[in-house]
Amino acid sequence: MSSPSPAAPGEFRQVIASILMAKAAVATFAIAPFLIGGYIDRLGLSPAVASRLLSVEILALAISNAFGYLWIRRVNHRLLAQCLLLGVASINISCIFTTNYDLLLLQRGAIGVLEGALLAIGFGLLGLSRRPERNFGLYFGISLTIGAINVRILPLFLESAGVPGLFTNLSLYSVIAFAGTFWLPRKVEHHAGEPPALSVHPVSARPPAAMPFLPLVLLLSANFVYFVGQGGVWSFLERLGLQNQLPLDAIAAALSASLMAGVAGGFTATWLDVKLGRMLPLMSAIGCAIAALVILWNSPTPFMFLVAACLFNFGNNFGHPYTLGLTSKLDRSGRLTVLAGALHTGGQATGPFIVGMMVMPPDFLNALWVGLIAFALTPFMILPAALADRRNSRQRQVQ
């Protein structure tokens, strides 16, 4: 048996550059509660209209990200990433001067298209790395560390400049990520000594070690369903805090701390890798999210709101690397990982849109029902793929 090939020089720098780029692509997610609040309080929009501004950006991101499945192996990654980052920064700055709602909606959609392509490159490169579980865990850990620091100071941007301050804040992510693009490769090749990609076949025609078609579809769909709940609840956490008469500074502190808890979740996944398999961490992560919803339902104090927010983000970022790791294991071209990323961002776009249509201010509790239903469905969608993967692993050991 040949030993694993050594790490290529500079590979870790490429991972860091990919993480910074992917973070710039999803920076809107971290500040979504403040964007929704700013759109409602500062621009005078209804929750349904405010959530539409957020959802159109994330939905455009998801659709653009899905198209990355087609071109991810054919482009100059460095040059394209640089162009995309400059475009995102430029449009965010232009949003500062926009006063027309329809034009703002168009601008946020255009940014989403660019962000989706950025995320495709970032996730594609991480999925092709030698240890995807570890590197996706690093992504969530580093991304959320940056997000936690930013969210803690975000009220300063909001109070000093209103919604334009938030757009300024978002543009800074692209500027920082641009510096890292010089570490990115122009093209990515398969690692030396790497086994060929696993095929995906329908049940009726699969070889002994292939993933059945239905479990694969359910696994990919789980990336959408879970994040409908995650995006819907997270986007309205600031409103849920205000509904319970919590001060804005306490809410900001709780959301910032929750992102640090998400860092702990991501690094816990990195440390555990696959020592406990994938299903146990995934079930624990979903349990944390459901526990957070139960706390939020019961008129939390500032401390319990903090606990709920921390449980919510810890579970999300502890479990998600395992879902992405399982997906990337099925296709070493990186395309299924890109598709999974598109589905989870599609879920994050759909969640706020659904919640925005369901809530009637000042009552935002319907957001919790959306989360509960999505989180309860997810285990049943992941389990068939996990069982099929375990069965395939045993068959390969026998062979």
Protein backbone atom coordinates (compact mmCIF):
# COMPACT_ATOMS: atom_id res chain seq x y z
CA MET A 1 0.00 0.00 0.00
CA SER A 2 1.36 3.41 -0.95
CA SER A 3 1.67 6.04 1.77
CA PRO A 4 -0.37 9.21 1.55
CA SER A 5 1.23 11.90 -0.53
CA PRO A 6 2.82 14.73 1.46
CA ALA A 7 1.09 18.05 1.69
CA ALA A 8 1.88 20.32 -1.21
CA PRO A 9 3.88 23.47 -0.32
CA GLY A 10 1.56 26.35 0.37
CA GLU A 11 -1.55 24.18 0.62
CA PHE A 12 -2.43 25.53 4.06
CA ARG A 13 -2.21 29.09 2.71
CA GLN A 14 -4.59 28.09 -0.07
CA VAL A 15 -7.00 26.77 2.56
CA ILE A 16 -6.83 30.05 4.48
CA ALA A 17 -7.36 32.04 1.28
CA SER A 18 -10.36 29.85 0.40
CA ILE A 19 -11.80 30.39 3.89
CA LEU A 20 -11.45 34.20 3.66
CA MET A 21 -13.08 34.20 0.23
CA ALA A 22 -15.97 31.99 1.34
CA LYS A 23 -16.44 34.20 4.41
CA ALA A 24 -16.67 37.31 2.22
CA ALA A 25 -19.30 35.48 0.17
CA VAL A 26 -21.52 34.77 3.19
CA ALA A 27 -20.80 37.86 5.31
CA THR A 28 -24.44 38.94 4.93
CA PHE A 29 -25.59 35.85 6.87
CA ALA A 30 -23.74 36.87 10.05
CA ILE A 31 -25.27 40.35 10.17
CA ALA A 32 -28.69 39.28 8.86
CA PRO A 33 -30.50 40.01 12.18
CA PHE A 34 -29.22 43.60 12.10
CA LEU A 35 -29.99 43.99 8.40
CA ILE A 36 -33.59 42.90 9.00
CA GLY A 37 -33.84 45.20 12.00
CA GLY A 38 -32.27 48.09 10.08
CA TYR A 39 -34.57 47.62 7.11
CA ILE A 40 -37.60 47.66 9.44
CA ASP A 41 -36.58 50.43 11.86
CA ARG A 42 -34.42 52.71 9.68
CA LEU A 43 -36.06 52.28 6.25
CA GLY A 44 -39.62 51.80 7.57
CA LEU A 45 -40.18 48.51 5.72
CA SER A 46 -42.57 45.78 6.85
CA PRO A 47 -41.09 42.42 7.96
CA ALA A 48 -42.27 40.80 4.71
CA VAL A 49 -40.62 43.46 2.53
CA ALA A 50 -37.47 43.62 4.69
CA SER A 51 -37.04 39.84 4.55
CA ARG A 52 -37.49 40.02 0.78
CA LEU A 53 -34.42 42.27 0.51
CA LEU A 54 -32.39 39.71 2.42
CA SER A 55 -33.90 36.69 0.67
CA VAL A 56 -33.33 37.97 -2.86
CA GLU A 57 -29.60 38.34 -2.15
CA ILE A 58 -29.28 34.89 -0.61
CA LEU A 59 -31.46 33.25 -3.26
CA ALA A 60 -29.36 34.81 -6.03
CA LEU A 61 -26.31 33.58 -4.17
CA ALA A 62 -27.71 30.04 -4.04
CA ILE A 63 -28.64 29.94 -7.74
CA SER A 64 -25.29 31.36 -8.80
CA ASN A 65 -23.56 28.93 -6.48
CA ALA A 66 -25.43 26.01 -8.07
CA PHE A 67 -24.18 27.01 -11.52
CA GLY A 68 -20.67 26.67 -10.11
CA TYR A 69 -21.26 22.92 -10.43
CA LEU A 70 -20.82 23.39 -14.19
CA TRP A 71 -17.74 25.63 -14.35
CA ILE A 72 -15.77 25.04 -11.12
CA ARG A 73 -13.12 22.88 -12.85
CA ARG A 74 -12.67 25.12 -15.90
CA VAL A 75 -11.78 28.58 -14.62
CA ASN A 76 -8.75 30.52 -13.43
CA HIS A 77 -9.69 30.53 -9.73
CA ARG A 78 -7.40 33.37 -8.70
CA LEU A 79 -8.36 35.84 -11.42
CA LEU A 80 -12.09 35.12 -11.17
CA ALA A 81 -12.03 35.47 -7.36
CA GLN A 82 -10.30 38.84 -7.62
CA CYS A 83 -12.86 40.16 -10.12
CA LEU A 84 -15.76 38.89 -8.01
CA LEU A 85 -14.46 40.45 -4.80
CA LEU A 86 -13.95 43.83 -6.47
CA GLY A 87 -17.50 43.61 -7.82
CA VAL A 88 -19.01 42.79 -4.42
CA ALA A 89 -17.17 45.67 -2.73
CA SER A 90 -18.16 48.14 -5.46
CA ILE A 91 -21.88 47.29 -5.40
CA ASN A 92 -22.00 47.33 -1.58
CA ILE A 93 -20.56 50.86 -1.67
CA SER A 94 -23.08 51.88 -4.33
CA CYS A 95 -25.92 50.66 -2.07
CA ILE A 96 -24.96 53.40 0.40
CA PHE A 97 -26.27 56.03 -2.00
CA THR A 98 -29.44 54.19 -3.06
CA THR A 99 -32.79 55.57 -1.89
CA ASN A 100 -35.13 53.67 -4.25
CA TYR A 101 -36.35 50.30 -2.94
CA ASP A 102 -36.59 48.62 -6.37
CA LEU A 103 -33.04 49.66 -7.24
CA LEU A 104 -31.78 48.44 -3.87
CA LEU A 105 -33.52 45.11 -4.47
CA LEU A 106 -31.75 44.83 -7.84
CA GLN A 107 -28.37 45.70 -6.31
CA ARG A 108 -28.71 43.14 -3.53
CA GLY A 109 -29.64 40.50 -6.11
CA ALA A 110 -26.58 41.39 -8.22
CA ILE A 111 -24.34 41.08 -5.16
CA GLY A 112 -25.86 37.67 -4.47
CA VAL A 113 -24.89 36.46 -7.96
CA LEU A 114 -21.26 37.46 -7.38
CA GLU A 115 -21.25 36.01 -3.86
CA GLY A 116 -22.57 32.68 -5.15
CA ALA A 117 -19.68 32.35 -7.58
CA LEU A 118 -17.24 33.23 -4.78
CA LEU A 119 -18.72 30.58 -2.53
CA ALA A 120 -18.49 27.99 -5.32
CA ILE A 121 -14.76 28.61 -5.64
CA GLY A 122 -14.18 28.64 -1.88
CA PHE A 123 -16.18 25.49 -1.10
CA GLY A 124 -14.92 23.73 -4.22
CA LEU A 125 -11.30 24.23 -3.16
CA LEU A 126 -12.01 23.14 0.42
CA GLY A 127 -13.86 20.05 -0.81
CA LEU A 128 -10.84 19.05 -2.91
CA SER A 129 -8.40 19.38 -0.01
CA ARG A 130 -6.90 16.29 1.62
CA ARG A 131 -8.89 16.55 4.86
CA PRO A 132 -12.23 18.16 4.02
CA GLU A 133 -13.84 17.59 7.46
CA ARG A 134 -10.94 19.33 9.16
CA ASN A 135 -10.83 22.17 6.65
CA PHE A 136 -14.59 22.76 6.66
CA GLY A 137 -14.35 22.84 10.45
CA LEU A 138 -11.57 25.42 10.14
CA TYR A 139 -13.77 27.40 7.77
CA PHE A 140 -16.63 27.58 10.26
CA GLY A 141 -14.28 28.30 13.15
CA ILE A 142 -12.32 31.10 11.49
CA SER A 143 -15.35 32.53 9.72
CA LEU A 144 -17.33 32.77 12.93
CA THR A 145 -14.43 34.23 14.92
CA ILE A 146 -14.35 37.10 12.44
CA GLY A 147 -18.15 37.33 12.48
CA ALA A 148 -18.34 37.38 16.28
CA ILE A 149 -15.91 40.27 16.54
CA ASN A 150 -17.77 42.12 13.82
CA VAL A 151 -21.26 41.59 15.28
CA ARG A 152 -20.13 42.94 18.65
CA ILE A 153 -19.15 46.28 17.09
CA LEU A 154 -21.94 46.32 14.49
CA PRO A 155 -24.32 48.50 16.58
CA LEU A 156 -21.68 51.25 16.25
CA PHE A 157 -22.01 51.13 12.44
CA LEU A 158 -25.81 51.00 12.71
CA GLU A 159 -26.14 53.82 15.23
CA SER A 160 -23.63 56.14 13.52
CA ALA A 161 -24.66 55.63 9.88
CA GLY A 162 -27.80 53.49 9.83
CA VAL A 163 -28.22 50.90 7.05
CA PRO A 164 -25.44 52.53 4.91
CA GLY A 165 -23.08 51.72 7.79
CA LEU A 166 -23.97 48.05 7.41
CA PHE A 167 -23.20 48.18 3.67
CA THR A 168 -19.83 49.78 4.46
CA ASN A 169 -19.16 47.00 6.94
CA LEU A 170 -19.92 44.33 4.33
CA SER A 171 -17.58 45.90 1.76
CA LEU A 172 -14.64 45.57 4.17
CA TYR A 173 -14.88 41.76 4.04
CA SER A 174 -14.20 41.78 0.29
CA VAL A 175 -11.19 44.08 0.71
CA ILE A 176 -9.63 41.75 3.30
CA ALA A 177 -10.34 38.61 1.25
CA PHE A 178 -8.82 40.20 -1.86
CA ALA A 179 -5.36 40.14 -0.23
CA GLY A 180 -5.63 36.37 0.24
CA THR A 181 -6.44 35.67 -3.40
CA PHE A 182 -2.74 35.78 -4.29
CA TRP A 183 -2.40 32.47 -2.42
CA LEU A 184 -5.04 30.82 -4.58
CA PRO A 185 -4.07 28.44 -7.39
CA ARG A 186 -5.06 29.23 -10.96
CA LYS A 187 -6.17 25.63 -11.49
CA VAL A 188 -6.72 22.72 -9.10
CA GLU A 189 -5.62 19.20 -9.92
CA HIS A 190 -6.40 15.97 -8.09
CA HIS A 191 -3.84 15.06 -5.45
CA ALA A 192 -1.22 12.49 -6.33
CA GLY A 193 -2.11 9.04 -5.10
CA GLU A 194 -5.74 10.00 -4.58
CA PRO A 195 -8.32 7.29 -5.29
CA PRO A 196 -10.67 7.91 -8.21
CA ALA A 197 -13.98 9.59 -7.48
CA LEU A 198 -16.84 7.40 -6.41
CA SER A 199 -19.60 7.01 -8.94
CA VAL A 200 -23.20 7.82 -8.19
CA HIS A 201 -25.69 5.46 -9.82
CA PRO A 202 -29.39 4.70 -9.55
CA VAL A 203 -30.23 1.84 -7.19
CA SER A 204 -30.97 -0.53 -10.05
CA ALA A 205 -27.53 -0.19 -11.65
CA ARG A 206 -25.09 0.64 -8.88
CA PRO A 207 -21.83 -1.19 -8.24
CA PRO A 208 -21.28 -2.66 -4.74
CA ALA A 209 -19.64 0.50 -3.30
CA ALA A 210 -21.80 3.17 -4.95
CA MET A 211 -24.23 5.45 -3.14
CA PRO A 212 -27.90 4.67 -3.92
CA PHE A 213 -29.66 7.49 -5.71
CA LEU A 214 -32.49 8.15 -3.22
CA PRO A 215 -30.26 8.48 -0.10
CA LEU A 216 -28.02 10.85 -2.07
CA VAL A 217 -30.99 13.03 -3.05
CA LEU A 218 -32.21 13.05 0.56
CA LEU A 219 -28.74 14.00 1.80
CA LEU A 220 -28.52 16.92 -0.61
CA SER A 221 -32.10 17.96 0.25
CA ALA A 222 -31.22 17.94 3.95
CA ASN A 223 -28.78 20.79 3.23
CA PHE A 224 -31.77 22.81 2.05
CA VAL A 225 -34.35 21.86 4.69
CA TYR A 226 -32.09 22.33 7.72
CA PHE A 227 -31.04 25.79 6.57
CA VAL A 228 -34.61 26.88 5.96
CA GLY A 229 -34.93 26.57 9.74
CA GLN A 230 -31.50 27.99 10.49
CA GLY A 231 -31.89 31.01 8.20
CA GLY A 232 -35.43 31.74 9.31
CA VAL A 233 -34.63 31.73 13.03
CA TRP A 234 -31.25 33.45 12.83
CA SER A 235 -32.51 36.32 10.65
CA PHE A 236 -35.21 37.18 13.20
CA LEU A 237 -33.24 36.61 16.43
CA GLU A 238 -32.81 40.35 16.91
CA ARG A 239 -36.58 40.83 16.55
CA LEU A 240 -37.21 37.94 18.98
CA GLY A 241 -34.92 39.61 21.51
CA LEU A 242 -36.71 42.95 21.15
CA GLN A 243 -40.06 41.16 21.48
CA ASN A 244 -38.88 40.06 24.92
CA GLN A 245 -37.91 43.68 25.71
CA LEU A 246 -34.17 43.01 25.74
CA PRO A 247 -31.89 46.03 25.11
CA LEU A 248 -30.14 46.16 21.73
CA ASP A 249 -26.70 46.06 23.34
CA ALA A 250 -27.60 42.85 25.21
CA ILE A 251 -28.89 41.33 21.96
CA ALA A 252 -25.68 42.28 20.15
CA ALA A 253 -23.61 40.77 22.96
CA ALA A 254 -25.64 37.55 22.80
CA LEU A 255 -25.35 37.25 19.02
CA SER A 256 -21.62 37.95 19.16
CA ALA A 257 -21.15 35.34 21.88
CA SER A 258 -23.25 32.91 19.85
CA LEU A 259 -20.88 33.27 16.91
CA MET A 260 -18.01 32.47 19.25
CA ALA A 261 -19.98 29.40 20.33
CA GLY A 262 -20.20 28.62 16.62
CA VAL A 263 -16.40 28.88 16.51
CA ALA A 264 -16.26 26.28 19.28
CA GLY A 265 -18.63 24.09 17.28
CA GLY A 266 -16.50 24.34 14.14
CA PHE A 267 -13.27 23.63 15.98
CA THR A 268 -14.89 20.76 17.89
CA ALA A 269 -15.72 19.20 14.51
CA THR A 270 -12.11 19.80 13.44
CA TRP A 271 -10.76 18.14 16.57
CA LEU A 272 -13.13 15.17 16.46
CA ASP A 273 -12.78 14.74 12.69
CA VAL A 274 -14.57 11.37 12.17
CA LYS A 275 -13.51 9.70 15.45
CA LEU A 276 -17.17 9.30 16.49
CA GLY A 277 -18.50 8.79 12.98
CA ARG A 278 -20.86 11.35 11.47
CA MET A 279 -24.34 10.54 12.77
CA LEU A 280 -23.67 11.10 16.49
CA PRO A 281 -22.27 14.61 15.98
CA LEU A 282 -25.11 15.43 13.57
CA MET A 283 -27.80 14.29 16.01
CA SER A 284 -26.12 16.22 18.84
CA ALA A 285 -26.03 19.35 16.68
CA ILE A 286 -29.73 19.12 15.84
CA GLY A 287 -30.53 18.52 19.52
CA CYS A 288 -28.73 21.77 20.42
CA ALA A 289 -30.76 23.71 17.85
CA ILE A 290 -34.07 22.34 19.12
CA ALA A 291 -33.09 23.08 22.73
CA ALA A 292 -32.38 26.69 21.71
CA LEU A 293 -35.87 27.01 20.22
CA VAL A 294 -37.46 25.72 23.42
CA ILE A 295 -35.63 28.38 25.44
CA LEU A 296 -36.65 31.15 23.03
CA TRP A 297 -40.28 30.08 23.31
CA ASN A 298 -40.33 30.75 27.05
CA SER A 299 -39.76 34.53 27.25
CA PRO A 300 -36.04 34.31 27.99
CA THR A 301 -34.15 36.68 30.25
CA PRO A 302 -31.00 38.29 28.77
CA PHE A 303 -28.92 35.41 30.15
CA MET A 304 -31.20 32.69 28.77
CA PHE A 305 -31.36 34.51 25.42
CA LEU A 306 -27.56 34.34 25.43
CA VAL A 307 -27.67 30.60 26.21
CA ALA A 308 -30.21 29.95 23.45
CA ALA A 309 -28.24 31.90 20.85
CA CYS A 310 -25.03 30.08 21.80
CA LEU A 311 -26.68 26.64 21.64
CA PHE A 312 -28.16 27.53 18.26
CA ASN A 313 -24.88 28.49 16.62
CA PHE A 314 -22.79 25.83 18.35
CA GLY A 315 -25.06 23.10 17.01
CA ASN A 316 -25.19 24.56 13.52
CA ASN A 317 -21.43 24.83 13.12
CA PHE A 318 -20.67 21.56 14.88
CA GLY A 319 -22.92 19.51 12.61
CA HIS A 320 -22.57 21.16 9.23
CA PRO A 321 -18.93 20.11 8.53
CA TYR A 322 -20.01 16.48 8.83
CA THR A 323 -22.78 16.92 6.28
CA LEU A 324 -20.37 18.61 3.86
CA GLY A 325 -17.68 16.03 4.59
CA LEU A 326 -20.05 13.16 3.81
CA THR A 327 -21.10 14.89 0.59
CA SER A 328 -17.53 15.57 -0.54
CA LYS A 329 -16.65 11.93 0.14
CA LEU A 330 -19.10 10.87 -2.56
CA ASP A 331 -17.55 12.93 -5.37
CA ARG A 332 -13.91 14.02 -5.40
CA SER A 333 -14.47 16.38 -8.33
CA GLY A 334 -15.79 18.90 -5.78
CA ARG A 335 -19.03 19.42 -7.75
CA LEU A 336 -21.37 17.75 -5.25
CA THR A 337 -19.86 19.89 -2.48
CA VAL A 338 -20.62 23.00 -4.54
CA LEU A 339 -24.17 21.75 -5.09
CA ALA A 340 -24.61 21.09 -1.36
CA GLY A 341 -23.40 24.62 -0.64
CA ALA A 342 -25.94 25.97 -3.13
CA LEU A 343 -28.75 24.06 -1.46
CA HIS A 344 -27.85 25.24 2.03
CA THR A 345 -27.69 28.86 0.90
CA GLY A 346 -31.00 28.32 -0.90
CA GLY A 347 -32.41 27.21 2.43
CA GLN A 348 -31.01 30.29 4.14
CA ALA A 349 -32.72 32.42 1.52
CA THR A 350 -36.04 30.61 1.78
CA GLY A 351 -36.17 30.62 5.59
CA PRO A 352 -36.34 34.41 6.07
CA PHE A 353 -38.81 34.71 3.20
CA ILE A 354 -41.17 32.16 4.77
CA VAL A 355 -40.85 33.68 8.24
CA GLY A 356 -41.33 37.20 6.88
CA MET A 357 -44.66 36.13 5.37
CA MET A 358 -45.77 34.38 8.58
CA VAL A 359 -44.97 36.86 11.34
CA MET A 360 -47.22 39.71 12.41
CA PRO A 361 -45.33 42.36 14.44
CA PRO A 362 -44.85 42.58 17.32
CA ASP A 363 -45.16 38.75 17.50
CA PHE A 364 -42.26 36.91 15.82
CA LEU A 365 -42.72 33.47 17.42
CA ASN A 366 -43.75 31.84 14.14
CA ALA A 367 -40.05 31.90 13.25
CA LEU A 368 -39.56 29.23 15.90
CA TRP A 369 -42.18 26.94 14.32
CA VAL A 370 -40.36 27.11 10.99
CA GLY A 371 -37.11 26.15 12.74
CA LEU A 372 -38.63 23.31 14.73
CA ILE A 373 -40.23 21.65 11.68
CA ALA A 374 -37.05 21.93 9.61
CA PHE A 375 -34.78 20.61 12.37
CA ALA A 376 -37.10 17.70 13.15
CA LEU A 377 -37.16 16.57 9.49
CA THR A 378 -33.40 16.73 8.93
CA PRO A 379 -32.28 13.54 10.77
CA PHE A 380 -34.67 11.40 8.74
CA MET A 381 -33.19 12.82 5.53
CA ILE A 382 -29.53 12.26 6.49
CA LEU A 383 -29.85 8.80 8.06
CA PRO A 384 -30.34 6.78 4.81
CA ALA A 385 -27.14 8.23 3.28
CA ALA A 386 -25.15 7.64 6.48
CA LEU A 387 -26.31 4.01 6.64
CA ALA A 388 -25.54 3.47 2.95
CA ASP A 389 -22.07 4.97 3.41
CA ARG A 390 -21.39 2.69 6.38
CA ARG A 391 -22.54 -0.33 4.40
CA ASN A 392 -20.30 0.64 1.47
CA SER A 393 -17.30 1.10 3.80
CA ARG A 394 -17.76 -2.41 5.16
CA GLN A 395 -17.99 -3.84 1.63
CA ARG A 396 -14.75 -2.10 0.63
CA GLN A 397 -13.01 -3.52 3.71
CA VAL A 398 -14.15 -7.04 2.79
CA GLN A 399 -12.91 -6.59 -0.78
